[in-house]
Amino acid sequence: MDVSYENKITIKTWAEEDRPREKLSLQGRRALSDAELVAILIGSGSTTESAVDLSKRILNSCKNNLNALAKLSIQDLSKFKGIGEAKAISIIAALELGRRRKETDFVETNSILSSKDIYNVLASNFIDLTHEEFWILLLNRANKVLEKIIISKGGLASTTADPKIIFKAALNHQAANVILAHNHPSGNLKPSDTDIRLTKKLIEGAKILDIAILDHVIFTDKGYFSFADEGLL
């Protein structure tokens, strides 16, 4: 038998220390569960459940995975009763701030010494994407990062990387070395035949300009694949 709204316990009737906002104020942010943090973002639930219950239901649909939650669109979130466009935007904005916080950890003066360094610099740019993007890192002769630049955005399975755009960017920034990077939203770390052909084409073109392609890294949410590490350059 369904419990009527009148008989349900709402947040306002909880002990103060159990209310998400009050709990954060009294005990600190780390005392809150993911559902309680999302509940603060959405502010209120529906006529049949509290904000925390609604948040638990949303998280449960993502198997309590925040990375999966970050991939949901406004339309996806709005399918939950009690979530309108404004609340959906609040959730998406908060998760995007979290992603950008990771991006600010990038320090331009760091040298790239390994594929792990490449991953650390670019991972935040690829996280949560449901489409492919192609990026480049431009380095000086000491392998210090001069700039990171997005070259193209594509669909679920591919994106176009125009060599003319890549080399123009490298020349404009007087880069000595270039690192290629793109993501596979499917989670497959294996390079495609197209990935391999493009890499070889760019390596040959770079030689004419006295520029070195140091690596091509494929990103997924769970890891990365380095052409250099695998001896494919």
C-alpha atoms as a PDB file:
ATOM      1  CA  MET A   1       0.000   0.000   0.000  1.00  0.00           C
ATOM      2  CA  ASP A   2       1.344   3.439  -0.924  1.00  0.00           C
ATOM      3  CA  VAL A   3       2.037   5.805   1.909  1.00  0.00           C
ATOM      4  CA  SER A   4       0.168   9.087   1.469  1.00  0.00           C
ATOM      5  CA  TYR A   5       2.119  12.350   1.392  1.00  0.00           C
ATOM      6  CA  GLU A   6       0.466  13.431   4.636  1.00  0.00           C
ATOM      7  CA  ASN A   7       1.926  10.398   6.412  1.00  0.00           C
ATOM      8  CA  LYS A   8       5.431  10.709   4.955  1.00  0.00           C
ATOM      9  CA  ILE A   9       8.192  12.341   6.964  1.00  0.00           C
ATOM     10  CA  THR A  10       9.411  15.463   5.164  1.00  0.00           C
ATOM     11  CA  ILE A  11      12.812  17.088   5.605  1.00  0.00           C
ATOM     12  CA  LYS A  12      11.362  19.917   7.681  1.00  0.00           C
ATOM     13  CA  THR A  13      10.180  17.427  10.325  1.00  0.00           C
ATOM     14  CA  TRP A  14      13.556  15.683  10.630  1.00  0.00           C
ATOM     15  CA  ALA A  15      15.907  16.343  13.506  1.00  0.00           C
ATOM     16  CA  GLU A  16      17.934  19.416  12.570  1.00  0.00           C
ATOM     17  CA  GLU A  17      21.176  17.442  12.387  1.00  0.00           C
ATOM     18  CA  ASP A  18      19.637  15.170   9.733  1.00  0.00           C
ATOM     19  CA  ARG A  19      18.566  17.926   7.314  1.00  0.00           C
ATOM     20  CA  PRO A  20      21.114  18.228   4.476  1.00  0.00           C
ATOM     21  CA  ARG A  21      21.758  21.977   4.761  1.00  0.00           C
ATOM     22  CA  GLU A  22      21.829  21.948   8.544  1.00  0.00           C
ATOM     23  CA  LYS A  23      23.915  18.772   8.552  1.00  0.00           C
ATOM     24  CA  LEU A  24      26.508  20.397   6.294  1.00  0.00           C
ATOM     25  CA  SER A  25      26.605  23.498   8.497  1.00  0.00           C
ATOM     26  CA  LEU A  26      26.967  21.520  11.708  1.00  0.00           C
ATOM     27  CA  GLN A  27      29.108  18.571  10.611  1.00  0.00           C
ATOM     28  CA  GLY A  28      30.870  19.729   7.438  1.00  0.00           C
ATOM     29  CA  ARG A  29      30.499  18.817   3.802  1.00  0.00           C
ATOM     30  CA  ARG A  30      32.134  15.404   4.084  1.00  0.00           C
ATOM     31  CA  ALA A  31      29.491  14.205   6.521  1.00  0.00           C
ATOM     32  CA  LEU A  32      26.870  14.267   3.754  1.00  0.00           C
ATOM     33  CA  SER A  33      26.064  11.408   1.423  1.00  0.00           C
ATOM     34  CA  ASP A  34      25.949  11.938  -2.341  1.00  0.00           C
ATOM     35  CA  ALA A  35      22.153  11.940  -2.180  1.00  0.00           C
ATOM     36  CA  GLU A  36      22.149  14.638   0.511  1.00  0.00           C
ATOM     37  CA  LEU A  37      24.485  16.829  -1.542  1.00  0.00           C
ATOM     38  CA  VAL A  38      22.267  16.460  -4.613  1.00  0.00           C
ATOM     39  CA  ALA A  39      19.236  17.217  -2.414  1.00  0.00           C
ATOM     40  CA  ILE A  40      20.806  20.559  -1.481  1.00  0.00           C
ATOM     41  CA  LEU A  41      21.197  21.340  -5.189  1.00  0.00           C
ATOM     42  CA  ILE A  42      17.569  20.613  -6.067  1.00  0.00           C
ATOM     43  CA  GLY A  43      16.169  22.212  -2.904  1.00  0.00           C
ATOM     44  CA  SER A  44      12.860  20.333  -2.787  1.00  0.00           C
ATOM     45  CA  GLY A  45      11.311  17.082  -3.893  1.00  0.00           C
ATOM     46  CA  SER A  46       7.842  16.367  -5.182  1.00  0.00           C
ATOM     47  CA  THR A  47       4.475  15.955  -3.511  1.00  0.00           C
ATOM     48  CA  THR A  48       5.266  12.290  -2.898  1.00  0.00           C
ATOM     49  CA  GLU A  49       8.910  12.256  -1.796  1.00  0.00           C
ATOM     50  CA  SER A  50      11.515  14.403  -0.141  1.00  0.00           C
ATOM     51  CA  ALA A  51      14.457  15.937  -1.956  1.00  0.00           C
ATOM     52  CA  VAL A  52      16.737  13.282  -0.451  1.00  0.00           C
ATOM     53  CA  ASP A  53      14.475  10.430  -1.593  1.00  0.00           C
ATOM     54  CA  LEU A  54      14.279  11.948  -5.056  1.00  0.00           C
ATOM     55  CA  SER A  55      18.067  12.297  -5.129  1.00  0.00           C
ATOM     56  CA  LYS A  56      18.489   8.678  -4.062  1.00  0.00           C
ATOM     57  CA  ARG A  57      16.226   7.609  -6.921  1.00  0.00           C
ATOM     58  CA  ILE A  58      18.207   9.636  -9.451  1.00  0.00           C
ATOM     59  CA  LEU A  59      21.509   8.250  -8.188  1.00  0.00           C
ATOM     60  CA  ASN A  60      20.141   4.725  -8.136  1.00  0.00           C
ATOM     61  CA  SER A  61      19.275   5.048 -11.825  1.00  0.00           C
ATOM     62  CA  CYS A  62      22.989   5.755 -12.392  1.00  0.00           C
ATOM     63  CA  LYS A  63      24.032   2.865 -10.127  1.00  0.00           C
ATOM     64  CA  ASN A  64      25.242   5.507  -7.652  1.00  0.00           C
ATOM     65  CA  ASN A  65      28.010   6.479 -10.059  1.00  0.00           C
ATOM     66  CA  LEU A  66      28.663  10.227 -10.164  1.00  0.00           C
ATOM     67  CA  ASN A  67      30.446   9.917 -13.507  1.00  0.00           C
ATOM     68  CA  ALA A  68      27.285   8.387 -14.967  1.00  0.00           C
ATOM     69  CA  LEU A  69      25.192  11.133 -13.371  1.00  0.00           C
ATOM     70  CA  ALA A  70      27.411  13.767 -14.998  1.00  0.00           C
ATOM     71  CA  LYS A  71      26.578  12.349 -18.431  1.00  0.00           C
ATOM     72  CA  LEU A  72      22.819  12.916 -18.039  1.00  0.00           C
ATOM     73  CA  SER A  73      21.289  15.735 -20.055  1.00  0.00           C
ATOM     74  CA  ILE A  74      18.621  18.218 -19.000  1.00  0.00           C
ATOM     75  CA  GLN A  75      16.090  16.032 -20.789  1.00  0.00           C
ATOM     76  CA  ASP A  76      17.286  12.891 -18.991  1.00  0.00           C
ATOM     77  CA  LEU A  77      17.040  14.490 -15.549  1.00  0.00           C
ATOM     78  CA  SER A  78      13.684  16.108 -16.285  1.00  0.00           C
ATOM     79  CA  LYS A  79      12.140  12.653 -16.708  1.00  0.00           C
ATOM     80  CA  PHE A  80      12.193  12.285 -12.907  1.00  0.00           C
ATOM     81  CA  LYS A  81       9.067  13.566 -11.215  1.00  0.00           C
ATOM     82  CA  GLY A  82      10.013  16.636  -9.215  1.00  0.00           C
ATOM     83  CA  ILE A  83      12.909  17.623 -11.494  1.00  0.00           C
ATOM     84  CA  GLY A  84      12.201  20.488 -13.847  1.00  0.00           C
ATOM     85  CA  GLU A  85      14.589  22.280 -16.149  1.00  0.00           C
ATOM     86  CA  ALA A  86      15.902  24.622 -13.440  1.00  0.00           C
ATOM     87  CA  LYS A  87      16.760  21.772 -11.044  1.00  0.00           C
ATOM     88  CA  ALA A  88      18.317  19.735 -13.843  1.00  0.00           C
ATOM     89  CA  ILE A  89      20.507  22.694 -14.790  1.00  0.00           C
ATOM     90  CA  SER A  90      21.587  23.095 -11.149  1.00  0.00           C
ATOM     91  CA  ILE A  91      22.787  19.484 -11.019  1.00  0.00           C
ATOM     92  CA  ILE A  92      24.606  19.730 -14.350  1.00  0.00           C
ATOM     93  CA  ALA A  93      26.229  23.048 -13.399  1.00  0.00           C
ATOM     94  CA  ALA A  94      27.508  21.672 -10.082  1.00  0.00           C
ATOM     95  CA  LEU A  95      29.048  18.621 -11.727  1.00  0.00           C
ATOM     96  CA  GLU A  96      30.641  20.787 -14.411  1.00  0.00           C
ATOM     97  CA  LEU A  97      32.228  22.956 -11.714  1.00  0.00           C
ATOM     98  CA  GLY A  98      33.692  19.805 -10.222  1.00  0.00           C
ATOM     99  CA  ARG A  99      35.151  18.860 -13.593  1.00  0.00           C
ATOM    100  CA  ARG A 100      36.629  22.334 -14.079  1.00  0.00           C
ATOM    101  CA  ARG A 101      38.159  22.217 -10.620  1.00  0.00           C
ATOM    102  CA  LYS A 102      40.194  19.230 -11.786  1.00  0.00           C
ATOM    103  CA  GLU A 103      41.186  21.162 -14.885  1.00  0.00           C
ATOM    104  CA  THR A 104      42.636  23.995 -12.802  1.00  0.00           C
ATOM    105  CA  ASP A 105      45.108  21.525 -11.314  1.00  0.00           C
ATOM    106  CA  PHE A 106      46.950  21.762 -14.648  1.00  0.00           C
ATOM    107  CA  VAL A 107      50.132  23.805 -14.291  1.00  0.00           C
ATOM    108  CA  GLU A 108      51.415  25.190 -17.586  1.00  0.00           C
ATOM    109  CA  THR A 109      55.038  25.152 -16.520  1.00  0.00           C
ATOM    110  CA  ASN A 110      55.050  21.372 -15.991  1.00  0.00           C
ATOM    111  CA  SER A 111      57.147  19.334 -18.401  1.00  0.00           C
ATOM    112  CA  ILE A 112      55.691  16.318 -20.187  1.00  0.00           C
ATOM    113  CA  LEU A 113      57.934  13.365 -19.415  1.00  0.00           C
ATOM    114  CA  SER A 114      55.547  10.428 -19.862  1.00  0.00           C
ATOM    115  CA  SER A 115      52.124   9.353 -21.064  1.00  0.00           C
ATOM    116  CA  LYS A 116      50.936   9.664 -17.458  1.00  0.00           C
ATOM    117  CA  ASP A 117      51.832  13.367 -17.549  1.00  0.00           C
ATOM    118  CA  ILE A 118      49.749  13.717 -20.717  1.00  0.00           C
ATOM    119  CA  TYR A 119      46.853  11.967 -19.010  1.00  0.00           C
ATOM    120  CA  ASN A 120      47.062  14.254 -15.984  1.00  0.00           C
ATOM    121  CA  VAL A 121      47.014  17.370 -18.158  1.00  0.00           C
ATOM    122  CA  LEU A 122      44.133  16.362 -20.436  1.00  0.00           C
ATOM    123  CA  ALA A 123      41.936  13.918 -18.487  1.00  0.00           C
ATOM    124  CA  SER A 124      39.586  16.595 -17.187  1.00  0.00           C
ATOM    125  CA  ASN A 125      38.876  17.765 -20.744  1.00  0.00           C
ATOM    126  CA  PHE A 126      37.583  14.336 -21.770  1.00  0.00           C
ATOM    127  CA  ILE A 127      35.714  13.231 -18.656  1.00  0.00           C
ATOM    128  CA  ASP A 128      31.918  12.810 -19.008  1.00  0.00           C
ATOM    129  CA  LEU A 129      31.930  13.362 -22.798  1.00  0.00           C
ATOM    130  CA  THR A 130      29.408  11.369 -24.817  1.00  0.00           C
ATOM    131  CA  HIS A 131      30.974  12.466 -28.121  1.00  0.00           C
ATOM    132  CA  GLU A 132      34.505  12.388 -29.520  1.00  0.00           C
ATOM    133  CA  GLU A 133      36.844  15.364 -29.303  1.00  0.00           C
ATOM    134  CA  PHE A 134      40.357  15.813 -30.679  1.00  0.00           C
ATOM    135  CA  TRP A 135      42.883  17.915 -28.711  1.00  0.00           C
ATOM    136  CA  ILE A 136      46.549  18.746 -29.060  1.00  0.00           C
ATOM    137  CA  LEU A 137      49.217  19.756 -26.564  1.00  0.00           C
ATOM    138  CA  LEU A 138      51.832  22.146 -27.903  1.00  0.00           C
ATOM    139  CA  LEU A 139      55.264  21.906 -26.277  1.00  0.00           C
ATOM    140  CA  ASN A 140      58.539  23.785 -26.499  1.00  0.00           C
ATOM    141  CA  ARG A 141      61.895  22.029 -26.934  1.00  0.00           C
ATOM    142  CA  ALA A 142      62.075  21.405 -23.181  1.00  0.00           C
ATOM    143  CA  ASN A 143      58.664  19.675 -23.407  1.00  0.00           C
ATOM    144  CA  LYS A 144      56.981  22.338 -21.317  1.00  0.00           C
ATOM    145  CA  VAL A 145      53.341  22.881 -22.262  1.00  0.00           C
ATOM    146  CA  LEU A 146      52.738  26.048 -24.247  1.00  0.00           C
ATOM    147  CA  GLU A 147      49.051  25.505 -24.925  1.00  0.00           C
ATOM    148  CA  LYS A 148      46.317  22.893 -25.105  1.00  0.00           C
ATOM    149  CA  ILE A 149      43.890  23.341 -27.965  1.00  0.00           C
ATOM    150  CA  ILE A 150      40.715  21.594 -29.055  1.00  0.00           C
ATOM    151  CA  ILE A 151      40.838  20.777 -32.762  1.00  0.00           C
ATOM    152  CA  SER A 152      37.418  19.278 -33.372  1.00  0.00           C
ATOM    153  CA  LYS A 153      34.236  17.832 -31.906  1.00  0.00           C
ATOM    154  CA  GLY A 154      32.486  14.873 -33.464  1.00  0.00           C
ATOM    155  CA  GLY A 155      29.826  12.265 -32.903  1.00  0.00           C
ATOM    156  CA  LEU A 156      29.633   9.107 -30.829  1.00  0.00           C
ATOM    157  CA  ALA A 157      32.164   7.195 -32.921  1.00  0.00           C
ATOM    158  CA  SER A 158      34.444   9.673 -34.692  1.00  0.00           C
ATOM    159  CA  THR A 159      35.730  13.194 -35.093  1.00  0.00           C
ATOM    160  CA  THR A 160      37.779  14.901 -37.791  1.00  0.00           C
ATOM    161  CA  ALA A 161      41.306  16.137 -37.137  1.00  0.00           C
ATOM    162  CA  ASP A 162      42.402  18.453 -39.944  1.00  0.00           C
ATOM    163  CA  PRO A 163      46.218  18.428 -40.292  1.00  0.00           C
ATOM    164  CA  LYS A 164      46.165  22.012 -41.599  1.00  0.00           C
ATOM    165  CA  ILE A 165      44.519  23.250 -38.375  1.00  0.00           C
ATOM    166  CA  ILE A 166      46.919  21.246 -36.199  1.00  0.00           C
ATOM    167  CA  PHE A 167      50.073  22.477 -37.936  1.00  0.00           C
ATOM    168  CA  LYS A 168      48.819  26.062 -38.135  1.00  0.00           C
ATOM    169  CA  ALA A 169      48.308  26.052 -34.362  1.00  0.00           C
ATOM    170  CA  ALA A 170      51.765  24.576 -33.820  1.00  0.00           C
ATOM    171  CA  LEU A 171      53.415  27.204 -36.021  1.00  0.00           C
ATOM    172  CA  ASN A 172      51.460  30.062 -34.452  1.00  0.00           C
ATOM    173  CA  HIS A 173      52.713  29.053 -30.999  1.00  0.00           C
ATOM    174  CA  GLN A 174      56.215  28.221 -32.258  1.00  0.00           C
ATOM    175  CA  ALA A 175      55.856  24.708 -30.864  1.00  0.00           C
ATOM    176  CA  ALA A 176      58.703  22.248 -31.266  1.00  0.00           C
ATOM    177  CA  ASN A 177      56.712  19.197 -30.232  1.00  0.00           C
ATOM    178  CA  VAL A 178      53.071  18.170 -30.473  1.00  0.00           C
ATOM    179  CA  ILE A 179      51.005  15.576 -28.618  1.00  0.00           C
ATOM    180  CA  LEU A 180      47.777  14.294 -30.144  1.00  0.00           C
ATOM    181  CA  ALA A 181      44.819  13.185 -28.038  1.00  0.00           C
ATOM    182  CA  HIS A 182      41.250  12.112 -28.535  1.00  0.00           C
ATOM    183  CA  ASN A 183      38.652  10.094 -26.652  1.00  0.00           C
ATOM    184  CA  HIS A 184      36.571   6.989 -27.277  1.00  0.00           C
ATOM    185  CA  PRO A 185      33.173   7.416 -25.546  1.00  0.00           C
ATOM    186  CA  SER A 186      32.547   3.705 -26.126  1.00  0.00           C
ATOM    187  CA  GLY A 187      35.257   2.880 -23.599  1.00  0.00           C
ATOM    188  CA  ASN A 188      37.291   0.920 -26.175  1.00  0.00           C
ATOM    189  CA  LEU A 189      40.982   1.770 -25.737  1.00  0.00           C
ATOM    190  CA  LYS A 190      42.102   0.044 -28.931  1.00  0.00           C
ATOM    191  CA  PRO A 191      43.064   2.496 -31.704  1.00  0.00           C
ATOM    192  CA  SER A 192      41.050   2.174 -34.895  1.00  0.00           C
ATOM    193  CA  ASP A 193      42.620   1.813 -38.326  1.00  0.00           C
ATOM    194  CA  THR A 194      41.636   5.434 -38.916  1.00  0.00           C
ATOM    195  CA  ASP A 195      43.452   6.490 -35.733  1.00  0.00           C
ATOM    196  CA  ILE A 196      46.609   4.706 -36.868  1.00  0.00           C
ATOM    197  CA  ARG A 197      46.505   6.126 -40.418  1.00  0.00           C
ATOM    198  CA  LEU A 198      45.919   9.664 -39.140  1.00  0.00           C
ATOM    199  CA  THR A 199      48.817   9.399 -36.695  1.00  0.00           C
ATOM    200  CA  LYS A 200      51.205   8.241 -39.419  1.00  0.00           C
ATOM    201  CA  LYS A 201      50.009  11.012 -41.730  1.00  0.00           C
ATOM    202  CA  LEU A 202      50.590  13.682 -39.085  1.00  0.00           C
ATOM    203  CA  ILE A 203      54.021  12.314 -38.184  1.00  0.00           C
ATOM    204  CA  GLU A 204      55.134  12.544 -41.821  1.00  0.00           C
ATOM    205  CA  GLY A 205      53.704  16.056 -42.222  1.00  0.00           C
ATOM    206  CA  ALA A 206      55.354  17.236 -39.005  1.00  0.00           C
ATOM    207  CA  LYS A 207      58.782  16.149 -40.210  1.00  0.00           C
ATOM    208  CA  ILE A 208      58.605  18.620 -43.101  1.00  0.00           C
ATOM    209  CA  LEU A 209      58.025  21.431 -40.578  1.00  0.00           C
ATOM    210  CA  ASP A 210      60.728  20.210 -38.195  1.00  0.00           C
ATOM    211  CA  ILE A 211      58.082  19.423 -35.584  1.00  0.00           C
ATOM    212  CA  ALA A 212      57.957  16.161 -33.644  1.00  0.00           C
ATOM    213  CA  ILE A 213      54.781  14.234 -32.818  1.00  0.00           C
ATOM    214  CA  LEU A 214      55.701  12.768 -29.424  1.00  0.00           C
ATOM    215  CA  ASP A 215      52.579  10.721 -28.735  1.00  0.00           C
ATOM    216  CA  HIS A 216      48.953  10.105 -29.561  1.00  0.00           C
ATOM    217  CA  VAL A 217      46.855   9.241 -26.506  1.00  0.00           C
ATOM    218  CA  ILE A 218      43.353   7.762 -26.562  1.00  0.00           C
ATOM    219  CA  PHE A 219      41.240   8.526 -23.498  1.00  0.00           C
ATOM    220  CA  THR A 220      38.283   6.734 -21.938  1.00  0.00           C
ATOM    221  CA  ASP A 221      36.633   7.255 -18.556  1.00  0.00           C
ATOM    222  CA  LYS A 222      38.622   4.322 -17.182  1.00  0.00           C
ATOM    223  CA  GLY A 223      42.079   4.806 -18.619  1.00  0.00           C
ATOM    224  CA  TYR A 224      44.191   5.657 -21.646  1.00  0.00           C
ATOM    225  CA  PHE A 225      46.198   4.165 -24.517  1.00  0.00           C
ATOM    226  CA  SER A 226      49.532   5.659 -25.563  1.00  0.00           C
ATOM    227  CA  PHE A 227      50.877   5.129 -29.087  1.00  0.00           C
ATOM    228  CA  ALA A 228      54.387   5.892 -27.794  1.00  0.00           C
ATOM    229  CA  ASP A 229      54.157   3.388 -24.942  1.00  0.00           C
ATOM    230  CA  GLU A 230      52.956   0.705 -27.344  1.00  0.00           C
ATOM    231  CA  GLY A 231      55.677   1.396 -29.929  1.00  0.00           C
ATOM    232  CA  LEU A 232      53.262   2.618 -32.580  1.00  0.00           C
ATOM    233  CA  LEU A 233      55.005   5.905 -33.454  1.00  0.00           C
END
